[in-house]
PDB file of N, CA and C in Angstrom:
ATOM      1  N   MET A   1       0.846  -1.195   0.000  1.00  0.00           N
ATOM      2  CA  MET A   1       0.000   0.000   0.000  1.00  0.00           C
ATOM      3  C   MET A   1       0.879   1.242   0.000  1.00  0.00           C
ATOM      4  N   ALA A   2       0.553   2.200  -0.853  1.00  0.00           N
ATOM      5  CA  ALA A   2       1.330   3.422  -0.953  1.00  0.00           C
ATOM      6  C   ALA A   2       1.141   4.282   0.294  1.00  0.00           C
ATOM      7  N   LYS A   3       2.226   4.897   0.689  1.00  0.00           N
ATOM      8  CA  LYS A   3       2.170   5.772   1.855  1.00  0.00           C
ATOM      9  C   LYS A   3       1.665   7.139   1.448  1.00  0.00           C
ATOM     10  N   GLN A   4       0.945   7.767   2.362  1.00  0.00           N
ATOM     11  CA  GLN A   4       0.454   9.123   2.153  1.00  0.00           C
ATOM     12  C   GLN A   4       1.540  10.087   2.622  1.00  0.00           C
ATOM     13  N   VAL A   5       2.068  10.904   1.715  1.00  0.00           N
ATOM     14  CA  VAL A   5       3.117  11.857   2.063  1.00  0.00           C
ATOM     15  C   VAL A   5       2.710  13.224   1.526  1.00  0.00           C
ATOM     16  N   THR A   6       2.754  14.227   2.398  1.00  0.00           N
ATOM     17  CA  THR A   6       2.478  15.600   1.988  1.00  0.00           C
ATOM     18  C   THR A   6       3.671  16.457   2.361  1.00  0.00           C
ATOM     19  N   VAL A   7       4.113  17.296   1.419  1.00  0.00           N
ATOM     20  CA  VAL A   7       5.224  18.204   1.656  1.00  0.00           C
ATOM     21  C   VAL A   7       4.678  19.624   1.577  1.00  0.00           C
ATOM     22  N   TYR A   8       4.714  20.317   2.702  1.00  0.00           N
ATOM     23  CA  TYR A   8       4.327  21.727   2.749  1.00  0.00           C
ATOM     24  C   TYR A   8       5.594  22.529   2.513  1.00  0.00           C
ATOM     25  N   SER A   9       5.558  23.381   1.493  1.00  0.00           N
ATOM     26  CA  SER A   9       6.773  24.078   1.093  1.00  0.00           C
ATOM     27  C   SER A   9       6.449  25.469   0.581  1.00  0.00           C
ATOM     28  N   LYS A  10       7.504  26.171   0.134  1.00  0.00           N
ATOM     29  CA  LYS A  10       7.327  27.476  -0.502  1.00  0.00           C
ATOM     30  C   LYS A  10       8.361  27.613  -1.612  1.00  0.00           C
ATOM     31  N   PRO A  11       8.095  28.481  -2.571  1.00  0.00           N
ATOM     32  CA  PRO A  11       9.038  28.671  -3.673  1.00  0.00           C
ATOM     33  C   PRO A  11      10.388  29.198  -3.161  1.00  0.00           C
ATOM     34  N   ASP A  12      11.441  28.913  -3.886  1.00  0.00           N
ATOM     35  CA  ASP A  12      12.786  29.400  -3.577  1.00  0.00           C
ATOM     36  C   ASP A  12      13.304  28.942  -2.221  1.00  0.00           C
ATOM     37  N   CYS A  13      12.876  27.778  -1.778  1.00  0.00           N
ATOM     38  CA  CYS A  13      13.329  27.185  -0.513  1.00  0.00           C
ATOM     39  C   CYS A  13      14.239  26.015  -0.866  1.00  0.00           C
ATOM     40  N   MET A  14      15.525  26.139  -0.546  1.00  0.00           N
ATOM     41  CA  MET A  14      16.475  25.088  -0.926  1.00  0.00           C
ATOM     42  C   MET A  14      16.175  23.757  -0.234  1.00  0.00           C
ATOM     43  N   GLN A  15      15.840  23.790   1.060  1.00  0.00           N
ATOM     44  CA  GLN A  15      15.534  22.533   1.746  1.00  0.00           C
ATOM     45  C   GLN A  15      14.291  21.877   1.148  1.00  0.00           C
ATOM     46  N   CYS A  16      13.348  22.699   0.697  1.00  0.00           N
ATOM     47  CA  CYS A  16      12.147  22.162   0.044  1.00  0.00           C
ATOM     48  C   CYS A  16      12.548  21.464  -1.259  1.00  0.00           C
ATOM     49  N   LYS A  17      13.397  22.105  -2.032  1.00  0.00           N
ATOM     50  CA  LYS A  17      13.852  21.520  -3.297  1.00  0.00           C
ATOM     51  C   LYS A  17      14.619  20.232  -3.063  1.00  0.00           C
ATOM     52  N   PHE A  18      15.487  20.207  -2.046  1.00  0.00           N
ATOM     53  CA  PHE A  18      16.237  18.991  -1.725  1.00  0.00           C
ATOM     54  C   PHE A  18      15.291  17.859  -1.328  1.00  0.00           C
ATOM     55  N   THR A  19      14.301  18.194  -0.500  1.00  0.00           N
ATOM     56  CA  THR A  19      13.354  17.179  -0.024  1.00  0.00           C
ATOM     57  C   THR A  19      12.561  16.599  -1.188  1.00  0.00           C
ATOM     58  N   LYS A  20      11.994  17.462  -2.020  1.00  0.00           N
ATOM     59  CA  LYS A  20      11.196  16.977  -3.151  1.00  0.00           C
ATOM     60  C   LYS A  20      12.065  16.251  -4.173  1.00  0.00           C
ATOM     61  N   GLY A  21      13.293  16.718  -4.354  1.00  0.00           N
ATOM     62  CA  GLY A  21      14.223  16.032  -5.251  1.00  0.00           C
ATOM     63  C   GLY A  21      14.543  14.633  -4.756  1.00  0.00           C
ATOM     64  N   TRP A  22      14.749  14.495  -3.440  1.00  0.00           N
ATOM     65  CA  TRP A  22      15.021  13.174  -2.857  1.00  0.00           C
ATOM     66  C   TRP A  22      13.832  12.257  -3.081  1.00  0.00           C
ATOM     67  N   LEU A  23      12.634  12.758  -2.810  1.00  0.00           N
ATOM     68  CA  LEU A  23      11.425  11.954  -2.994  1.00  0.00           C
ATOM     69  C   LEU A  23      11.269  11.538  -4.457  1.00  0.00           C
ATOM     70  N   ASP A  24      11.510  12.471  -5.374  1.00  0.00           N
ATOM     71  CA  ASP A  24      11.411  12.162  -6.810  1.00  0.00           C
ATOM     72  C   ASP A  24      12.424  11.082  -7.207  1.00  0.00           C
ATOM     73  N   GLN A  25      13.674  11.222  -6.772  1.00  0.00           N
ATOM     74  CA  GLN A  25      14.727  10.270  -7.133  1.00  0.00           C
ATOM     75  C   GLN A  25      14.450   8.875  -6.589  1.00  0.00           C
ATOM     76  N   ASN A  26      13.732   8.810  -5.479  1.00  0.00           N
ATOM     77  CA  ASN A  26      13.448   7.526  -4.849  1.00  0.00           C
ATOM     78  C   ASN A  26      12.028   7.033  -5.131  1.00  0.00           C
ATOM     79  N   ASN A  27      11.385   7.670  -6.109  1.00  0.00           N
ATOM     80  CA  ASN A  27      10.052   7.260  -6.567  1.00  0.00           C
ATOM     81  C   ASN A  27       9.015   7.191  -5.447  1.00  0.00           C
ATOM     82  N   VAL A  28       9.051   8.195  -4.558  1.00  0.00           N
ATOM     83  CA  VAL A  28       8.065   8.289  -3.491  1.00  0.00           C
ATOM     84  C   VAL A  28       7.021   9.318  -3.927  1.00  0.00           C
ATOM     85  N   ALA A  29       5.781   8.866  -4.068  1.00  0.00           N
ATOM     86  CA  ALA A  29       4.705   9.775  -4.453  1.00  0.00           C
ATOM     87  C   ALA A  29       4.384  10.695  -3.276  1.00  0.00           C
ATOM     88  N   TYR A  30       4.114  11.953  -3.585  1.00  0.00           N
ATOM     89  CA  TYR A  30       3.785  12.911  -2.537  1.00  0.00           C
ATOM     90  C   TYR A  30       2.912  14.013  -3.101  1.00  0.00           C
ATOM     91  N   GLU A  31       2.213  14.668  -2.200  1.00  0.00           N
ATOM     92  CA  GLU A  31       1.443  15.853  -2.561  1.00  0.00           C
ATOM     93  C   GLU A  31       2.248  17.054  -2.095  1.00  0.00           C
ATOM     94  N   SER A  32       2.414  18.031  -2.962  1.00  0.00           N
ATOM     95  CA  SER A  32       3.144  19.244  -2.620  1.00  0.00           C
ATOM     96  C   SER A  32       2.146  20.383  -2.425  1.00  0.00           C
ATOM     97  N   VAL A  33       2.257  21.067  -1.284  1.00  0.00           N
ATOM     98  CA  VAL A  33       1.359  22.170  -0.973  1.00  0.00           C
ATOM     99  C   VAL A  33       2.202  23.416  -0.732  1.00  0.00           C
ATOM    100  N   ASP A  34       1.949  24.461  -1.515  1.00  0.00           N
ATOM    101  CA  ASP A  34       2.660  25.738  -1.392  1.00  0.00           C
ATOM    102  C   ASP A  34       1.971  26.575  -0.318  1.00  0.00           C
ATOM    103  N   VAL A  35       2.648  26.771   0.817  1.00  0.00           N
ATOM    104  CA  VAL A  35       2.026  27.513   1.920  1.00  0.00           C
ATOM    105  C   VAL A  35       1.901  29.005   1.631  1.00  0.00           C
ATOM    106  N   THR A  36       2.606  29.504   0.598  1.00  0.00           N
ATOM    107  CA  THR A  36       2.455  30.915   0.247  1.00  0.00           C
ATOM    108  C   THR A  36       1.208  31.144  -0.594  1.00  0.00           C
ATOM    109  N   ALA A  37       0.661  30.070  -1.163  1.00  0.00           N
ATOM    110  CA  ALA A  37      -0.534  30.180  -2.007  1.00  0.00           C
ATOM    111  C   ALA A  37      -1.779  29.615  -1.335  1.00  0.00           C
ATOM    112  N   ASP A  38      -1.596  28.944  -0.207  1.00  0.00           N
ATOM    113  CA  ASP A  38      -2.718  28.287   0.469  1.00  0.00           C
ATOM    114  C   ASP A  38      -2.714  28.698   1.939  1.00  0.00           C
ATOM    115  N   GLU A  39      -3.535  29.680   2.268  1.00  0.00           N
ATOM    116  CA  GLU A  39      -3.560  30.232   3.631  1.00  0.00           C
ATOM    117  C   GLU A  39      -3.969  29.187   4.670  1.00  0.00           C
ATOM    118  N   LYS A  40      -4.912  28.320   4.311  1.00  0.00           N
ATOM    119  CA  LYS A  40      -5.345  27.270   5.247  1.00  0.00           C
ATOM    120  C   LYS A  40      -4.203  26.296   5.538  1.00  0.00           C
ATOM    121  N   ALA A  41      -3.411  25.988   4.528  1.00  0.00           N
ATOM    122  CA  ALA A  41      -2.260  25.103   4.724  1.00  0.00           C
ATOM    123  C   ALA A  41      -1.234  25.765   5.641  1.00  0.00           C
ATOM    124  N   LEU A  42      -0.998  27.052   5.464  1.00  0.00           N
ATOM    125  CA  LEU A  42      -0.065  27.773   6.326  1.00  0.00           C
ATOM    126  C   LEU A  42      -0.556  27.764   7.770  1.00  0.00           C
ATOM    127  N   GLU A  43      -1.847  28.003   7.973  1.00  0.00           N
ATOM    128  CA  GLU A  43      -2.410  27.962   9.325  1.00  0.00           C
ATOM    129  C   GLU A  43      -2.256  26.568   9.930  1.00  0.00           C
ATOM    130  N   TYR A  44      -2.499  25.537   9.141  1.00  0.00           N
ATOM    131  CA  TYR A  44      -2.365  24.160   9.616  1.00  0.00           C
ATOM    132  C   TYR A  44      -0.932  23.884  10.082  1.00  0.00           C
ATOM    133  N   VAL A  45       0.048  24.268   9.258  1.00  0.00           N
ATOM    134  CA  VAL A  45       1.451  24.027   9.580  1.00  0.00           C
ATOM    135  C   VAL A  45       1.852  24.791  10.852  1.00  0.00           C
ATOM    136  N   LYS A  46       1.417  26.034  10.961  1.00  0.00           N
ATOM    137  CA  LYS A  46       1.813  26.859  12.109  1.00  0.00           C
ATOM    138  C   LYS A  46       1.012  26.548  13.362  1.00  0.00           C
ATOM    139  N   ASP A  47      -0.312  26.520  13.232  1.00  0.00           N
ATOM    140  CA  ASP A  47      -1.170  26.427  14.412  1.00  0.00           C
ATOM    141  C   ASP A  47      -1.391  24.997  14.897  1.00  0.00           C
ATOM    142  N   GLU A  48      -1.625  24.074  13.978  1.00  0.00           N
ATOM    143  CA  GLU A  48      -1.910  22.698  14.394  1.00  0.00           C
ATOM    144  C   GLU A  48      -0.647  21.864  14.570  1.00  0.00           C
ATOM    145  N   LEU A  49       0.313  22.015  13.648  1.00  0.00           N
ATOM    146  CA  LEU A  49       1.538  21.221  13.750  1.00  0.00           C
ATOM    147  C   LEU A  49       2.616  21.918  14.571  1.00  0.00           C
ATOM    148  N   GLY A  50       2.552  23.250  14.642  1.00  0.00           N
ATOM    149  CA  GLY A  50       3.500  24.005  15.463  1.00  0.00           C
ATOM    150  C   GLY A  50       4.833  24.323  14.809  1.00  0.00           C
ATOM    151  N   TYR A  51       4.915  24.249  13.488  1.00  0.00           N
ATOM    152  CA  TYR A  51       6.173  24.539  12.790  1.00  0.00           C
ATOM    153  C   TYR A  51       6.200  25.977  12.296  1.00  0.00           C
ATOM    154  N   GLN A  52       7.405  26.556  12.310  1.00  0.00           N
ATOM    155  CA  GLN A  52       7.603  27.913  11.815  1.00  0.00           C
ATOM    156  C   GLN A  52       8.466  27.939  10.558  1.00  0.00           C
ATOM    157  N   ALA A  53       8.935  26.782  10.120  1.00  0.00           N
ATOM    158  CA  ALA A  53       9.816  26.701   8.959  1.00  0.00           C
ATOM    159  C   ALA A  53       9.338  25.589   8.044  1.00  0.00           C
ATOM    160  N   VAL A  54       9.729  25.665   6.771  1.00  0.00           N
ATOM    161  CA  VAL A  54       9.414  24.631   5.794  1.00  0.00           C
ATOM    162  C   VAL A  54      10.716  24.069   5.251  1.00  0.00           C
ATOM    163  N   PRO A  55      10.706  22.901   4.650  1.00  0.00           N
ATOM    164  CA  PRO A  55       9.536  22.087   4.366  1.00  0.00           C
ATOM    165  C   PRO A  55       9.038  21.357   5.618  1.00  0.00           C
ATOM    166  N   VAL A  56       7.751  21.106   5.631  1.00  0.00           N
ATOM    167  CA  VAL A  56       7.149  20.251   6.652  1.00  0.00           C
ATOM    168  C   VAL A  56       6.645  19.017   5.925  1.00  0.00           C
ATOM    169  N   ILE A  57       7.099  17.863   6.379  1.00  0.00           N
ATOM    170  CA  ILE A  57       6.717  16.605   5.761  1.00  0.00           C
ATOM    171  C   ILE A  57       5.753  15.899   6.701  1.00  0.00           C
ATOM    172  N   VAL A  58       4.597  15.533   6.179  1.00  0.00           N
ATOM    173  CA  VAL A  58       3.579  14.861   6.978  1.00  0.00           C
ATOM    174  C   VAL A  58       3.308  13.502   6.354  1.00  0.00           C
ATOM    175  N   THR A  59       3.442  12.452   7.172  1.00  0.00           N
ATOM    176  CA  THR A  59       3.124  11.101   6.731  1.00  0.00           C
ATOM    177  C   THR A  59       2.002  10.570   7.613  1.00  0.00           C
ATOM    178  N   GLU A  60       1.614   9.339   7.378  1.00  0.00           N
ATOM    179  CA  GLU A  60       0.534   8.743   8.169  1.00  0.00           C
ATOM    180  C   GLU A  60       0.925   8.550   9.623  1.00  0.00           C
ATOM    181  N   THR A  61       2.230   8.417   9.893  1.00  0.00           N
ATOM    182  CA  THR A  61       2.673   8.091  11.242  1.00  0.00           C
ATOM    183  C   THR A  61       3.481   9.171  11.945  1.00  0.00           C
ATOM    184  N   GLU A  62       4.051  10.115  11.202  1.00  0.00           N
ATOM    185  CA  GLU A  62       4.853  11.159  11.833  1.00  0.00           C
ATOM    186  C   GLU A  62       4.940  12.385  10.941  1.00  0.00           C
ATOM    187  N   ASN A  63       5.484  13.459  11.519  1.00  0.00           N
ATOM    188  CA  ASN A  63       5.754  14.664  10.736  1.00  0.00           C
ATOM    189  C   ASN A  63       7.029  15.301  11.264  1.00  0.00           C
ATOM    190  N   TRP A  64       7.696  16.057  10.386  1.00  0.00           N
ATOM    191  CA  TRP A  64       8.932  16.745  10.748  1.00  0.00           C
ATOM    192  C   TRP A  64       9.147  17.889   9.773  1.00  0.00           C
ATOM    193  N   TYR A  65      10.140  18.725  10.092  1.00  0.00           N
ATOM    194  CA  TYR A  65      10.462  19.799   9.153  1.00  0.00           C
ATOM    195  C   TYR A  65      11.938  19.714   8.783  1.00  0.00           C
ATOM    196  N   GLY A  66      12.244  20.305   7.640  1.00  0.00           N
ATOM    197  CA  GLY A  66      13.611  20.331   7.156  1.00  0.00           C
ATOM    198  C   GLY A  66      13.935  19.131   6.282  1.00  0.00           C
ATOM    199  N   PHE A  67      15.046  19.242   5.580  1.00  0.00           N
ATOM    200  CA  PHE A  67      15.529  18.148   4.732  1.00  0.00           C
ATOM    201  C   PHE A  67      16.239  17.153   5.628  1.00  0.00           C
ATOM    202  N   GLN A  68      15.613  16.000   5.845  1.00  0.00           N
ATOM    203  CA  GLN A  68      16.158  14.978   6.744  1.00  0.00           C
ATOM    204  C   GLN A  68      16.188  13.629   6.007  1.00  0.00           C
ATOM    205  N   PRO A  69      17.268  13.367   5.271  1.00  0.00           N
ATOM    206  CA  PRO A  69      17.357  12.144   4.479  1.00  0.00           C
ATOM    207  C   PRO A  69      17.145  10.862   5.294  1.00  0.00           C
ATOM    208  N   ASP A  70      17.568  10.854   6.556  1.00  0.00           N
ATOM    209  CA  ASP A  70      17.390   9.647   7.366  1.00  0.00           C
ATOM    210  C   ASP A  70      15.902   9.338   7.583  1.00  0.00           C
ATOM    211  N   LYS A  71      15.115  10.377   7.799  1.00  0.00           N
ATOM    212  CA  LYS A  71      13.671  10.156   7.965  1.00  0.00           C
ATOM    213  C   LYS A  71      13.010   9.844   6.624  1.00  0.00           C
ATOM    214  N   LEU A  72      13.464  10.506   5.574  1.00  0.00           N
ATOM    215  CA  LEU A  72      12.915  10.218   4.247  1.00  0.00           C
ATOM    216  C   LEU A  72      13.189   8.774   3.852  1.00  0.00           C
ATOM    217  N   ALA A  73      14.356   8.265   4.217  1.00  0.00           N
ATOM    218  CA  ALA A  73      14.720   6.891   3.860  1.00  0.00           C
ATOM    219  C   ALA A  73      13.759   5.882   4.455  1.00  0.00           C
ATOM    220  N   LYS A  74      13.158   6.201   5.587  1.00  0.00           N
ATOM    221  CA  LYS A  74      12.180   5.290   6.200  1.00  0.00           C
ATOM    222  C   LYS A  74      10.956   5.090   5.293  1.00  0.00           C
ATOM    223  N   LEU A  75      10.708   6.056   4.415  1.00  0.00           N
ATOM    224  CA  LEU A  75       9.561   5.960   3.521  1.00  0.00           C
ATOM    225  C   LEU A  75       9.744   4.887   2.456  1.00  0.00           C
ATOM    226  N   VAL A  76      10.999   4.542   2.163  1.00  0.00           N
ATOM    227  CA  VAL A  76      11.259   3.525   1.145  1.00  0.00           C
ATOM    228  C   VAL A  76      11.775   2.217   1.731  1.00  0.00           C
ATOM    229  N   SER A  77      12.055   2.187   3.016  1.00  0.00           N
ATOM    230  CA  SER A  77      12.648   0.993   3.616  1.00  0.00           C
ATOM    231  C   SER A  77      11.613  -0.053   4.013  1.00  0.00           C
ATOM    232  N   ASP A  78      10.362   0.340   4.123  1.00  0.00           N
ATOM    233  CA  ASP A  78       9.325  -0.618   4.548  1.00  0.00           C
ATOM    234  C   ASP A  78       8.832  -1.474   3.402  1.00  0.00           C
TER     235      ASP A  78
END
């Protein structure tokens, strides 16, 4: 079963580009949400998840922010 992965990001964010590039190279499907274009997504990231920086990666079991290859690798290791 495919994992649900959402990447909350913004344009011109290097960590966002690295994260999405890693996911693309490893054939991990994800939904990309631009927090500068989606006010509700920005509120969700800040108010509900408590993050002040992007990218924020949300999976079915955990969430984190920043380019973290070790956590991304867990998405393909199962």
